[in-house]
Structure formats: C-alpha cells, structure tokens
N, C-alpha and C. Protein backbone atom coordinates (compact mmCIF):
# COMPACT_ATOMS: atom_id res chain seq x y z
N MET A 1 6.45 14.41 -5.39
CA MET A 1 6.42 13.68 -4.15
C MET A 1 5.50 12.47 -4.35
N SER A 2 5.86 11.37 -3.79
CA SER A 2 5.05 10.17 -3.98
C SER A 2 3.75 10.25 -3.19
N ILE A 3 2.78 9.47 -3.60
CA ILE A 3 1.48 9.45 -2.93
C ILE A 3 1.64 8.98 -1.48
N TRP A 4 2.53 8.01 -1.29
CA TRP A 4 2.77 7.49 0.05
C TRP A 4 3.30 8.60 0.97
N ALA A 5 4.28 9.37 0.49
CA ALA A 5 4.85 10.43 1.31
C ALA A 5 3.84 11.55 1.53
N GLN A 6 3.06 11.85 0.50
CA GLN A 6 2.05 12.90 0.65
C GLN A 6 1.01 12.53 1.70
N SER A 7 0.64 11.26 1.76
CA SER A 7 -0.36 10.86 2.75
C SER A 7 0.18 11.04 4.17
N ILE A 8 1.46 10.78 4.35
CA ILE A 8 2.07 10.98 5.67
C ILE A 8 2.12 12.47 6.00
N VAL A 9 2.52 13.29 5.02
CA VAL A 9 2.60 14.74 5.25
C VAL A 9 1.22 15.31 5.55
N LYS A 10 0.20 14.84 4.82
CA LYS A 10 -1.16 15.33 5.08
C LYS A 10 -1.61 14.97 6.49
N GLY A 11 -1.26 13.78 6.93
CA GLY A 11 -1.63 13.37 8.29
C GLY A 11 -0.93 14.21 9.34
N ILE A 12 0.36 14.46 9.13
CA ILE A 12 1.10 15.29 10.08
C ILE A 12 0.57 16.71 10.07
N ALA A 13 0.28 17.24 8.87
CA ALA A 13 -0.23 18.61 8.77
C ALA A 13 -1.59 18.72 9.44
N GLY A 14 -2.45 17.74 9.25
CA GLY A 14 -3.76 17.76 9.90
C GLY A 14 -3.65 17.68 11.40
N LEU A 15 -2.77 16.82 11.87
CA LEU A 15 -2.56 16.69 13.31
C LEU A 15 -2.00 17.99 13.89
N SER A 16 -1.07 18.61 13.15
CA SER A 16 -0.51 19.87 13.65
C SER A 16 -1.58 20.95 13.73
N ALA A 17 -2.52 20.97 12.79
CA ALA A 17 -3.60 21.96 12.84
C ALA A 17 -4.48 21.73 14.07
N ILE A 18 -4.81 20.48 14.35
CA ILE A 18 -5.63 20.17 15.51
C ILE A 18 -4.90 20.55 16.80
N LEU A 19 -3.61 20.24 16.87
CA LEU A 19 -2.83 20.60 18.07
C LEU A 19 -2.73 22.12 18.22
N THR A 20 -2.58 22.83 17.11
CA THR A 20 -2.52 24.29 17.18
C THR A 20 -3.83 24.87 17.70
N PHE A 21 -4.95 24.37 17.17
CA PHE A 21 -6.26 24.84 17.63
C PHE A 21 -6.46 24.57 19.11
N SER A 22 -6.16 23.34 19.53
CA SER A 22 -6.41 23.01 20.93
C SER A 22 -5.50 23.80 21.87
N THR A 23 -4.25 23.99 21.50
CA THR A 23 -3.34 24.78 22.31
C THR A 23 -3.81 26.22 22.38
N PHE A 24 -4.23 26.75 21.26
CA PHE A 24 -4.71 28.13 21.21
C PHE A 24 -5.95 28.32 22.09
N LEU A 25 -6.89 27.43 21.95
CA LEU A 25 -8.15 27.58 22.69
C LEU A 25 -7.97 27.40 24.19
N THR A 26 -7.00 26.60 24.61
CA THR A 26 -6.80 26.38 26.04
C THR A 26 -5.96 27.47 26.69
N THR A 27 -5.20 28.23 25.93
CA THR A 27 -4.30 29.20 26.54
C THR A 27 -4.74 30.65 26.41
N VAL A 28 -5.63 30.96 25.49
CA VAL A 28 -6.02 32.35 25.26
C VAL A 28 -7.34 32.66 25.94
N ASP A 29 -7.35 33.79 26.64
CA ASP A 29 -8.57 34.28 27.27
C ASP A 29 -9.16 35.35 26.36
N PHE A 30 -10.25 35.00 25.67
CA PHE A 30 -10.85 35.91 24.69
C PHE A 30 -11.57 37.09 25.33
N SER A 31 -11.89 37.01 26.59
CA SER A 31 -12.69 38.08 27.21
C SER A 31 -11.94 39.42 27.21
N GLU A 32 -10.63 39.40 27.30
CA GLU A 32 -9.86 40.64 27.30
C GLU A 32 -9.78 41.25 25.90
N PHE A 33 -9.86 40.42 24.86
CA PHE A 33 -9.79 40.94 23.49
C PHE A 33 -11.03 41.73 23.10
N PHE A 34 -12.17 41.30 23.60
CA PHE A 34 -13.43 41.91 23.19
C PHE A 34 -14.01 42.78 24.31
N ALA A 35 -13.20 43.73 24.76
CA ALA A 35 -13.64 44.62 25.83
C ALA A 35 -14.72 45.55 25.31
N GLU A 36 -15.75 45.74 26.12
CA GLU A 36 -16.87 46.60 25.70
C GLU A 36 -16.46 48.06 25.68
N GLY A 37 -16.94 48.77 24.67
CA GLY A 37 -16.72 50.20 24.59
C GLY A 37 -15.42 50.61 23.92
N GLU A 38 -14.51 49.69 23.64
CA GLU A 38 -13.25 50.04 23.00
C GLU A 38 -13.23 49.44 21.59
N ALA A 39 -13.34 50.29 20.58
CA ALA A 39 -13.40 49.83 19.19
C ALA A 39 -12.06 49.21 18.77
N PHE A 40 -10.97 49.81 19.22
CA PHE A 40 -9.66 49.29 18.86
C PHE A 40 -9.47 47.86 19.37
N MET A 41 -9.84 47.60 20.60
CA MET A 41 -9.69 46.26 21.17
C MET A 41 -10.61 45.26 20.49
N MET A 42 -11.78 45.71 20.06
CA MET A 42 -12.70 44.82 19.34
C MET A 42 -12.09 44.43 17.99
N ILE A 43 -11.54 45.38 17.26
CA ILE A 43 -10.90 45.09 15.97
C ILE A 43 -9.67 44.21 16.18
N PHE A 44 -8.89 44.54 17.20
CA PHE A 44 -7.70 43.74 17.51
C PHE A 44 -8.08 42.30 17.87
N GLY A 45 -9.13 42.13 18.63
CA GLY A 45 -9.58 40.79 19.02
C GLY A 45 -10.02 39.98 17.81
N VAL A 46 -10.76 40.61 16.90
CA VAL A 46 -11.19 39.90 15.68
C VAL A 46 -9.98 39.53 14.83
N LEU A 47 -9.03 40.46 14.69
CA LEU A 47 -7.83 40.20 13.89
C LEU A 47 -7.02 39.04 14.47
N ILE A 48 -6.79 39.06 15.75
CA ILE A 48 -6.02 38.00 16.40
C ILE A 48 -6.73 36.66 16.25
N THR A 49 -8.04 36.65 16.43
CA THR A 49 -8.79 35.41 16.31
C THR A 49 -8.69 34.84 14.88
N VAL A 50 -8.83 35.71 13.89
CA VAL A 50 -8.74 35.26 12.49
C VAL A 50 -7.34 34.74 12.19
N VAL A 51 -6.33 35.43 12.65
CA VAL A 51 -4.95 34.99 12.41
C VAL A 51 -4.69 33.65 13.08
N MET A 52 -5.13 33.50 14.30
CA MET A 52 -4.87 32.26 15.02
C MET A 52 -5.63 31.08 14.42
N PHE A 53 -6.88 31.31 14.03
CA PHE A 53 -7.65 30.20 13.47
C PHE A 53 -7.33 29.94 12.01
N GLY A 54 -6.96 30.95 11.26
CA GLY A 54 -6.71 30.77 9.84
C GLY A 54 -5.25 30.73 9.46
N GLY A 55 -4.46 31.61 10.04
CA GLY A 55 -3.08 31.74 9.62
C GLY A 55 -2.11 30.74 10.20
N ILE A 56 -2.13 30.58 11.50
CA ILE A 56 -1.15 29.72 12.16
C ILE A 56 -1.26 28.26 11.71
N PRO A 57 -2.45 27.65 11.67
CA PRO A 57 -2.53 26.27 11.20
C PRO A 57 -2.08 26.12 9.74
N PHE A 58 -2.40 27.11 8.90
CA PHE A 58 -1.96 27.06 7.51
C PHE A 58 -0.44 27.11 7.43
N LEU A 59 0.17 28.02 8.15
CA LEU A 59 1.63 28.15 8.11
C LEU A 59 2.32 26.90 8.68
N THR A 60 1.74 26.33 9.73
CA THR A 60 2.30 25.11 10.31
C THR A 60 2.23 23.96 9.30
N ALA A 61 1.09 23.79 8.67
CA ALA A 61 0.95 22.72 7.68
C ALA A 61 1.86 22.97 6.49
N PHE A 62 1.96 24.20 6.03
CA PHE A 62 2.83 24.53 4.90
C PHE A 62 4.28 24.27 5.25
N ALA A 63 4.69 24.54 6.49
CA ALA A 63 6.06 24.27 6.91
C ALA A 63 6.36 22.78 6.86
N TYR A 64 5.40 21.93 7.25
CA TYR A 64 5.61 20.49 7.17
C TYR A 64 5.73 20.03 5.72
N VAL A 65 4.95 20.61 4.83
CA VAL A 65 5.03 20.24 3.41
C VAL A 65 6.40 20.63 2.85
N LEU A 66 6.88 21.83 3.19
CA LEU A 66 8.20 22.25 2.73
C LEU A 66 9.30 21.35 3.30
N LEU A 67 9.16 20.98 4.57
CA LEU A 67 10.15 20.09 5.18
C LEU A 67 10.17 18.74 4.49
N ALA A 68 9.00 18.20 4.21
CA ALA A 68 8.94 16.90 3.52
C ALA A 68 9.54 16.99 2.13
N GLY A 69 9.30 18.08 1.42
CA GLY A 69 9.89 18.27 0.09
C GLY A 69 11.40 18.33 0.15
N GLU A 70 11.94 19.04 1.13
CA GLU A 70 13.39 19.13 1.28
C GLU A 70 14.00 17.77 1.62
N ILE A 71 13.35 17.03 2.49
CA ILE A 71 13.86 15.70 2.86
C ILE A 71 13.86 14.78 1.65
N MET A 72 12.78 14.83 0.85
CA MET A 72 12.73 14.00 -0.36
C MET A 72 13.83 14.41 -1.33
N GLU A 73 14.09 15.70 -1.45
CA GLU A 73 15.13 16.20 -2.35
C GLU A 73 16.51 15.74 -1.90
N LEU A 74 16.77 15.80 -0.60
CA LEU A 74 18.07 15.39 -0.08
C LEU A 74 18.30 13.89 -0.21
N CYS A 75 17.23 13.12 -0.14
CA CYS A 75 17.35 11.66 -0.17
C CYS A 75 17.17 11.07 -1.57
N SER A 76 17.00 11.89 -2.58
CA SER A 76 16.65 11.36 -3.91
C SER A 76 17.74 10.48 -4.49
N GLU A 77 19.01 10.88 -4.37
CA GLU A 77 20.10 10.07 -4.94
C GLU A 77 20.16 8.68 -4.29
N GLY A 78 20.05 8.64 -2.98
CA GLY A 78 20.06 7.35 -2.29
C GLY A 78 18.85 6.51 -2.65
N ASN A 79 17.69 7.15 -2.79
CA ASN A 79 16.48 6.41 -3.16
C ASN A 79 16.57 5.88 -4.58
N ILE A 80 17.17 6.65 -5.49
CA ILE A 80 17.35 6.19 -6.87
C ILE A 80 18.25 4.97 -6.89
N GLN A 81 19.35 5.02 -6.13
CA GLN A 81 20.27 3.87 -6.10
C GLN A 81 19.59 2.64 -5.51
N LYS A 82 18.78 2.83 -4.46
CA LYS A 82 18.04 1.70 -3.89
C LYS A 82 17.08 1.10 -4.90
N LEU A 83 16.40 1.97 -5.67
CA LEU A 83 15.48 1.50 -6.70
C LEU A 83 16.21 0.69 -7.76
N TYR A 84 17.36 1.19 -8.22
CA TYR A 84 18.14 0.44 -9.22
C TYR A 84 18.60 -0.91 -8.67
N ASP A 85 19.02 -0.93 -7.41
CA ASP A 85 19.45 -2.19 -6.81
C ASP A 85 18.31 -3.20 -6.75
N ILE A 86 17.12 -2.74 -6.38
CA ILE A 86 15.96 -3.63 -6.33
C ILE A 86 15.60 -4.12 -7.72
N MET A 87 15.67 -3.23 -8.71
CA MET A 87 15.36 -3.62 -10.09
C MET A 87 16.35 -4.66 -10.61
N GLU A 88 17.64 -4.45 -10.35
CA GLU A 88 18.65 -5.42 -10.78
C GLU A 88 18.47 -6.76 -10.07
N LYS A 89 18.14 -6.70 -8.80
CA LYS A 89 17.91 -7.93 -8.03
C LYS A 89 16.75 -8.75 -8.61
N ASN A 90 15.73 -8.05 -9.13
CA ASN A 90 14.57 -8.72 -9.71
C ASN A 90 14.71 -9.00 -11.20
N GLY A 91 15.89 -8.76 -11.76
CA GLY A 91 16.15 -9.15 -13.14
C GLY A 91 15.83 -8.10 -14.20
N TYR A 92 15.60 -6.85 -13.82
CA TYR A 92 15.33 -5.79 -14.79
C TYR A 92 16.65 -5.20 -15.29
N ASP A 93 16.66 -4.82 -16.55
CA ASP A 93 17.84 -4.20 -17.14
C ASP A 93 17.81 -2.71 -16.81
N THR A 94 18.82 -2.24 -16.10
CA THR A 94 18.87 -0.82 -15.71
C THR A 94 19.89 -0.05 -16.52
N THR A 95 20.35 -0.63 -17.62
CA THR A 95 21.31 0.06 -18.48
C THR A 95 20.63 1.23 -19.18
N PRO A 96 21.24 2.41 -19.15
CA PRO A 96 20.63 3.55 -19.85
C PRO A 96 20.60 3.30 -21.36
N HIS A 97 19.53 3.70 -22.01
CA HIS A 97 19.38 3.53 -23.45
C HIS A 97 19.14 4.88 -24.10
N ASN A 98 19.52 4.98 -25.36
CA ASN A 98 19.26 6.17 -26.14
C ASN A 98 17.75 6.25 -26.37
N ILE A 99 17.17 7.41 -26.14
CA ILE A 99 15.72 7.55 -26.24
C ILE A 99 15.24 7.29 -27.66
N THR A 100 16.04 7.62 -28.67
CA THR A 100 15.61 7.39 -30.05
C THR A 100 15.66 5.92 -30.42
N ASP A 101 16.35 5.10 -29.64
CA ASP A 101 16.45 3.66 -29.93
C ASP A 101 15.55 2.88 -28.97
N ILE A 102 14.25 3.20 -28.98
CA ILE A 102 13.34 2.57 -28.03
C ILE A 102 12.66 1.34 -28.59
N TYR A 103 12.80 1.10 -29.89
CA TYR A 103 12.10 -0.03 -30.50
C TYR A 103 12.94 -1.30 -30.38
N PRO A 104 12.32 -2.40 -30.03
CA PRO A 104 13.06 -3.66 -29.93
C PRO A 104 13.48 -4.16 -31.31
N SER A 105 14.37 -5.12 -31.32
CA SER A 105 14.90 -5.63 -32.58
C SER A 105 13.86 -6.40 -33.39
N GLY A 106 12.74 -6.77 -32.80
CA GLY A 106 11.74 -7.57 -33.49
C GLY A 106 10.71 -6.77 -34.26
N ILE A 107 10.92 -5.48 -34.49
CA ILE A 107 9.96 -4.66 -35.23
C ILE A 107 9.97 -5.07 -36.70
N PRO A 108 8.84 -5.01 -37.36
CA PRO A 108 8.81 -5.28 -38.81
C PRO A 108 9.74 -4.32 -39.55
N SER A 109 10.34 -4.80 -40.60
CA SER A 109 11.36 -4.01 -41.30
C SER A 109 10.80 -2.72 -41.90
N SER A 110 9.53 -2.71 -42.32
CA SER A 110 8.98 -1.50 -42.92
C SER A 110 8.94 -0.36 -41.89
N GLU A 111 8.58 -0.67 -40.64
CA GLU A 111 8.56 0.35 -39.59
C GLU A 111 9.99 0.81 -39.27
N LYS A 112 10.91 -0.15 -39.22
CA LYS A 112 12.29 0.19 -38.91
C LYS A 112 12.88 1.08 -40.00
N ASP A 113 12.53 0.82 -41.28
CA ASP A 113 13.02 1.65 -42.38
C ASP A 113 12.51 3.08 -42.24
N LYS A 114 11.24 3.24 -41.87
CA LYS A 114 10.70 4.59 -41.69
C LYS A 114 11.45 5.34 -40.60
N ILE A 115 11.73 4.64 -39.53
CA ILE A 115 12.44 5.26 -38.41
C ILE A 115 13.86 5.62 -38.83
N ASP A 116 14.52 4.73 -39.55
CA ASP A 116 15.88 5.02 -40.00
C ASP A 116 15.91 6.22 -40.94
N LYS A 117 14.92 6.34 -41.83
CA LYS A 117 14.86 7.48 -42.75
C LYS A 117 14.65 8.78 -41.98
N LEU A 118 13.80 8.73 -40.97
CA LEU A 118 13.59 9.94 -40.15
C LEU A 118 14.87 10.34 -39.41
N ASP A 119 15.58 9.36 -38.88
CA ASP A 119 16.84 9.64 -38.20
C ASP A 119 17.87 10.22 -39.15
N GLN A 120 17.95 9.68 -40.37
CA GLN A 120 18.90 10.20 -41.36
C GLN A 120 18.54 11.64 -41.74
N ALA A 121 17.25 11.91 -41.90
CA ALA A 121 16.82 13.26 -42.25
C ALA A 121 17.17 14.26 -41.16
N LYS A 122 17.02 13.85 -39.93
CA LYS A 122 17.38 14.73 -38.81
C LYS A 122 18.88 14.98 -38.77
N ASN A 123 19.66 13.94 -39.04
CA ASN A 123 21.11 14.08 -39.01
C ASN A 123 21.62 14.95 -40.15
N ASN A 124 20.95 14.94 -41.29
CA ASN A 124 21.38 15.72 -42.45
C ASN A 124 21.06 17.21 -42.28
N GLN A 125 20.13 17.54 -41.39
CA GLN A 125 19.75 18.95 -41.21
C GLN A 125 20.76 19.68 -40.48
C-alpha cells in the first residue's frame, strides 16, 4: 500500500477509535456493571470495559485497513494503466524488456563479453 493511502487509512482508523470511545462513554452506565457484593458482576464489568476500550477500537481500525487493502487490490489494474499513460505522456518508454537485457548498448565491450559468456553458459546447462 502506498504511503499516501496508508496515511489516509491511519487517519480514518484513528478517528474511528475516537468516535468509538466517545460513543461508548456516553451510552454506557458503568454503575450497574460494578455492583457491590456481586463478584460475578464485578468480573463482568471489568471484562466488558476491557473489551470496549481495547477490542472494539482495534477491530474497527483493522476493518478499515482491510477495506483499504481490498479497494487498492480491486483498483490496481486501472491504476497501473493510468501510471503507464502518464509515463507515456511524459516521454518514458513503457515497453517491457527482458530482465537479462538490462544493460544499454553503450557498455564497454569487455563487460558485454562477460555477460554474453554467462548467458551462453546458462543456456548450455
């Protein structure tokens, strides 16, 4: 994922965590969770509080990261074509090249001979 997209996802994830916290704190009455004399309700209250403060914001942020990854995956072909169009417009050669033929024609002949010998040795194997 690009740095630009990650910064947007981080911002959305952070905002979602803040919204989750504020919604949770304004809607839940903690006094009923921590009833005196009932051990089960005390344990339940601690568990719910930990889940709400730790689990829900994490899951919300993780869901946004997964959503952003899926959107980037679905849009990759279109983005690649846009990139190639921009490169061609600016005069870059977008023709695919053989990876073994990465050296320009202006290399000194001694280096080119070494490369040719290595290629021949690989082909003979």
